[in-house]
Amino acid sequence: MTKSEAGRYRTTNWKSYNAALKQRGSLLIWLDKDMAWLATRAGRPGRPPVFSDAAIQFCLMLKVLFGLPLRQSTGMVASILEMAGPDWPV
């Protein structure tokens, strides 16, 4: 049995094809402006935490997702927060 040659598809609608290629590279990150970025003060002795658990999870999720070292991931988070608009420290 001989294998039939695969058909070759021709693009006829270049406008939608190019739009689909651009859409493949898009990245959407939702930030909740009501999220507590800074930690609340605890009545315990010792140094209080600076960032909330949600902020730490957000940073670590981006670090693991993109496989970045810690300093690069903090730079990426700072860049994302700058584009998003909230005035949160990193």
N, C-alpha and C. Protein backbone atom coordinates (compact mmCIF):
# COMPACT_ATOMS: atom_id res chain seq x y z
N MET A 1 0.83 -1.17 0.00
CA MET A 1 0.00 0.00 0.00
C MET A 1 0.88 1.24 0.00
N THR A 2 0.61 2.12 -0.88
CA THR A 2 1.39 3.36 -0.92
C THR A 2 0.66 4.44 -0.14
N LYS A 3 1.46 5.27 0.44
CA LYS A 3 0.91 6.36 1.24
C LYS A 3 0.55 7.53 0.32
N SER A 4 -0.65 8.03 0.48
CA SER A 4 -1.05 9.16 -0.36
C SER A 4 -0.40 10.44 0.13
N GLU A 5 -0.15 11.33 -0.76
CA GLU A 5 0.50 12.58 -0.42
C GLU A 5 -0.49 13.49 0.29
N ALA A 6 -0.04 14.12 1.35
CA ALA A 6 -0.92 15.02 2.11
C ALA A 6 -1.27 16.23 1.26
N GLY A 7 -2.52 16.65 1.36
CA GLY A 7 -2.96 17.82 0.60
C GLY A 7 -2.34 19.09 1.15
N ARG A 8 -2.11 20.01 0.29
CA ARG A 8 -1.53 21.29 0.71
C ARG A 8 -2.64 22.33 0.70
N TYR A 9 -2.79 22.99 1.82
CA TYR A 9 -3.85 23.98 1.95
C TYR A 9 -3.31 25.36 1.61
N ARG A 10 -4.06 26.08 0.87
CA ARG A 10 -3.67 27.43 0.49
C ARG A 10 -4.49 28.42 1.29
N THR A 11 -3.84 29.44 1.76
CA THR A 11 -4.53 30.48 2.50
C THR A 11 -5.19 31.43 1.51
N THR A 12 -6.49 31.60 1.71
CA THR A 12 -7.22 32.50 0.80
C THR A 12 -7.58 33.81 1.48
N ASN A 13 -7.73 33.77 2.80
CA ASN A 13 -8.10 34.98 3.53
C ASN A 13 -6.89 35.42 4.38
N TRP A 14 -6.00 36.17 3.78
CA TRP A 14 -4.76 36.55 4.45
C TRP A 14 -5.00 37.48 5.63
N LYS A 15 -6.02 38.30 5.57
CA LYS A 15 -6.29 39.24 6.66
C LYS A 15 -6.62 38.49 7.95
N SER A 16 -7.50 37.52 7.88
CA SER A 16 -7.86 36.77 9.09
C SER A 16 -6.72 35.83 9.50
N TYR A 17 -5.96 35.31 8.54
CA TYR A 17 -4.82 34.45 8.86
C TYR A 17 -3.76 35.23 9.64
N ASN A 18 -3.46 36.44 9.21
CA ASN A 18 -2.48 37.27 9.91
C ASN A 18 -2.99 37.66 11.29
N ALA A 19 -4.29 37.96 11.40
CA ALA A 19 -4.86 38.30 12.71
C ALA A 19 -4.78 37.10 13.65
N ALA A 20 -5.00 35.89 13.14
CA ALA A 20 -4.91 34.69 13.97
C ALA A 20 -3.47 34.46 14.44
N LEU A 21 -2.50 34.73 13.58
CA LEU A 21 -1.10 34.58 13.98
C LEU A 21 -0.72 35.58 15.06
N LYS A 22 -1.23 36.80 14.96
CA LYS A 22 -0.96 37.80 16.00
C LYS A 22 -1.60 37.40 17.31
N GLN A 23 -2.79 36.82 17.25
CA GLN A 23 -3.51 36.43 18.46
C GLN A 23 -2.80 35.31 19.20
N ARG A 24 -2.05 34.47 18.50
CA ARG A 24 -1.32 33.38 19.15
C ARG A 24 -0.32 33.89 20.16
N GLY A 25 0.26 35.04 19.92
CA GLY A 25 1.28 35.56 20.81
C GLY A 25 0.75 36.47 21.90
N SER A 26 -0.55 36.61 22.01
CA SER A 26 -1.09 37.53 23.01
C SER A 26 -1.07 36.90 24.40
N LEU A 27 -0.97 37.72 25.39
CA LEU A 27 -0.93 37.29 26.78
C LEU A 27 -1.88 38.18 27.57
N LEU A 28 -2.78 37.57 28.30
CA LEU A 28 -3.76 38.32 29.07
C LEU A 28 -3.58 37.97 30.54
N ILE A 29 -3.34 38.98 31.36
CA ILE A 29 -3.19 38.78 32.79
C ILE A 29 -4.21 39.68 33.48
N TRP A 30 -5.05 39.09 34.30
CA TRP A 30 -6.04 39.86 35.04
C TRP A 30 -5.51 40.16 36.43
N LEU A 31 -5.58 41.41 36.81
CA LEU A 31 -5.22 41.83 38.16
C LEU A 31 -6.45 42.41 38.83
N ASP A 32 -6.74 41.94 40.03
CA ASP A 32 -7.86 42.46 40.79
C ASP A 32 -7.37 43.66 41.59
N LYS A 33 -7.92 44.83 41.30
CA LYS A 33 -7.47 46.05 41.99
C LYS A 33 -7.85 46.04 43.46
N ASP A 34 -8.80 45.16 43.85
CA ASP A 34 -9.20 45.06 45.25
C ASP A 34 -8.33 44.08 46.03
N MET A 35 -7.40 43.41 45.33
CA MET A 35 -6.52 42.45 45.99
C MET A 35 -5.61 43.19 46.98
N ALA A 36 -5.43 42.59 48.14
CA ALA A 36 -4.53 43.17 49.14
C ALA A 36 -3.10 42.83 48.74
N TRP A 37 -2.37 43.80 48.20
CA TRP A 37 -0.99 43.56 47.76
C TRP A 37 -0.04 43.60 48.94
N LEU A 38 -0.28 44.52 49.86
CA LEU A 38 0.56 44.63 51.06
C LEU A 38 -0.08 43.83 52.19
N ALA A 39 0.76 43.25 53.04
CA ALA A 39 0.27 42.43 54.15
C ALA A 39 -0.31 43.32 55.24
N THR A 40 -1.29 42.77 55.95
CA THR A 40 -1.86 43.48 57.09
C THR A 40 -0.95 43.29 58.29
N ARG A 41 -0.99 44.25 59.16
CA ARG A 41 -0.15 44.19 60.36
C ARG A 41 -0.68 43.13 61.32
N ALA A 42 0.21 42.26 61.77
CA ALA A 42 -0.16 41.25 62.75
C ALA A 42 0.34 41.70 64.11
N GLY A 43 -0.34 41.30 65.15
CA GLY A 43 0.04 41.70 66.50
C GLY A 43 1.12 40.82 67.11
N ARG A 44 1.90 40.17 66.27
CA ARG A 44 2.95 39.28 66.77
C ARG A 44 4.28 40.01 66.84
N PRO A 45 5.17 39.56 67.70
CA PRO A 45 6.49 40.18 67.74
C PRO A 45 7.32 39.78 66.52
N GLY A 46 8.28 40.61 66.20
CA GLY A 46 9.15 40.34 65.07
C GLY A 46 8.80 41.24 63.90
N ARG A 47 9.57 41.07 62.85
CA ARG A 47 9.37 41.91 61.67
C ARG A 47 8.07 41.52 60.95
N PRO A 48 7.22 42.48 60.65
CA PRO A 48 5.96 42.15 59.97
C PRO A 48 6.22 41.85 58.49
N PRO A 49 5.39 41.01 57.89
CA PRO A 49 5.56 40.74 56.46
C PRO A 49 5.21 41.97 55.63
N VAL A 50 5.88 42.12 54.49
CA VAL A 50 5.65 43.28 53.62
C VAL A 50 4.52 43.01 52.64
N PHE A 51 4.55 41.84 51.98
CA PHE A 51 3.58 41.52 50.94
C PHE A 51 2.59 40.47 51.42
N SER A 52 1.39 40.50 50.87
CA SER A 52 0.36 39.52 51.23
C SER A 52 0.67 38.18 50.57
N ASP A 53 -0.02 37.15 51.04
CA ASP A 53 0.17 35.82 50.45
C ASP A 53 -0.26 35.80 48.99
N ALA A 54 -1.31 36.55 48.65
CA ALA A 54 -1.78 36.60 47.25
C ALA A 54 -0.72 37.23 46.35
N ALA A 55 -0.04 38.26 46.82
CA ALA A 55 1.00 38.91 46.02
C ALA A 55 2.18 37.96 45.81
N ILE A 56 2.55 37.23 46.84
CA ILE A 56 3.66 36.29 46.74
C ILE A 56 3.30 35.15 45.78
N GLN A 57 2.06 34.65 45.86
CA GLN A 57 1.62 33.59 44.95
C GLN A 57 1.60 34.07 43.50
N PHE A 58 1.20 35.32 43.28
CA PHE A 58 1.18 35.88 41.93
C PHE A 58 2.59 35.91 41.35
N CYS A 59 3.54 36.40 42.14
CA CYS A 59 4.93 36.49 41.67
C CYS A 59 5.53 35.10 41.42
N LEU A 60 5.29 34.17 42.32
CA LEU A 60 5.84 32.83 42.16
C LEU A 60 5.18 32.08 41.00
N MET A 61 3.89 32.35 40.75
CA MET A 61 3.22 31.72 39.63
C MET A 61 3.84 32.16 38.31
N LEU A 62 4.13 33.45 38.17
CA LEU A 62 4.80 33.93 36.96
C LEU A 62 6.21 33.38 36.85
N LYS A 63 6.90 33.25 37.98
CA LYS A 63 8.26 32.72 37.99
C LYS A 63 8.28 31.29 37.48
N VAL A 64 7.37 30.46 37.97
CA VAL A 64 7.33 29.06 37.57
C VAL A 64 6.79 28.91 36.15
N LEU A 65 5.78 29.70 35.80
CA LEU A 65 5.16 29.60 34.48
C LEU A 65 6.15 29.89 33.36
N PHE A 66 6.97 30.92 33.54
CA PHE A 66 7.93 31.30 32.51
C PHE A 66 9.33 30.76 32.76
N GLY A 67 9.55 30.08 33.89
CA GLY A 67 10.86 29.51 34.19
C GLY A 67 11.93 30.56 34.38
N LEU A 68 11.61 31.63 35.11
CA LEU A 68 12.53 32.74 35.28
C LEU A 68 13.27 32.65 36.61
N PRO A 69 14.49 33.16 36.67
CA PRO A 69 15.15 33.34 37.96
C PRO A 69 14.43 34.41 38.78
N LEU A 70 14.73 34.47 40.06
CA LEU A 70 13.99 35.36 40.96
C LEU A 70 14.10 36.82 40.56
N ARG A 71 15.29 37.30 40.25
CA ARG A 71 15.44 38.72 39.91
C ARG A 71 14.74 39.07 38.61
N GLN A 72 14.76 38.16 37.65
CA GLN A 72 14.05 38.43 36.39
C GLN A 72 12.54 38.41 36.60
N SER A 73 12.07 37.54 37.49
CA SER A 73 10.63 37.49 37.73
C SER A 73 10.16 38.75 38.46
N THR A 74 10.97 39.30 39.37
CA THR A 74 10.57 40.55 40.02
C THR A 74 10.56 41.70 39.02
N GLY A 75 11.48 41.69 38.07
CA GLY A 75 11.46 42.70 37.02
C GLY A 75 10.24 42.57 36.13
N MET A 76 9.85 41.33 35.83
CA MET A 76 8.66 41.13 35.01
C MET A 76 7.40 41.57 35.75
N VAL A 77 7.31 41.26 37.03
CA VAL A 77 6.15 41.69 37.82
C VAL A 77 6.10 43.21 37.91
N ALA A 78 7.25 43.85 38.08
CA ALA A 78 7.28 45.32 38.12
C ALA A 78 6.81 45.90 36.80
N SER A 79 7.22 45.30 35.70
CA SER A 79 6.80 45.76 34.38
C SER A 79 5.30 45.57 34.17
N ILE A 80 4.76 44.43 34.60
CA ILE A 80 3.32 44.17 34.46
C ILE A 80 2.52 45.15 35.31
N LEU A 81 2.98 45.40 36.53
CA LEU A 81 2.26 46.34 37.40
C LEU A 81 2.33 47.76 36.86
N GLU A 82 3.44 48.12 36.24
CA GLU A 82 3.56 49.45 35.65
C GLU A 82 2.58 49.62 34.50
N MET A 83 2.42 48.58 33.68
CA MET A 83 1.47 48.65 32.57
C MET A 83 0.03 48.62 33.06
N ALA A 84 -0.23 47.87 34.14
CA ALA A 84 -1.60 47.72 34.64
C ALA A 84 -2.08 48.98 35.35
N GLY A 85 -1.17 49.71 35.96
CA GLY A 85 -1.57 50.98 36.55
C GLY A 85 -1.55 51.08 38.06
N PRO A 86 -1.75 49.98 38.83
CA PRO A 86 -1.76 50.18 40.28
C PRO A 86 -0.37 50.57 40.79
N ASP A 87 -0.35 51.40 41.79
CA ASP A 87 0.91 51.89 42.35
C ASP A 87 1.33 50.97 43.50
N TRP A 88 1.63 49.72 43.19
CA TRP A 88 2.03 48.75 44.18
C TRP A 88 3.54 48.55 44.12
N PRO A 89 4.22 48.47 45.26
CA PRO A 89 5.67 48.23 45.25
C PRO A 89 5.97 46.78 44.91
N VAL A 90 7.18 46.55 44.42
CA VAL A 90 7.62 45.17 44.11
C VAL A 90 8.86 44.89 44.92
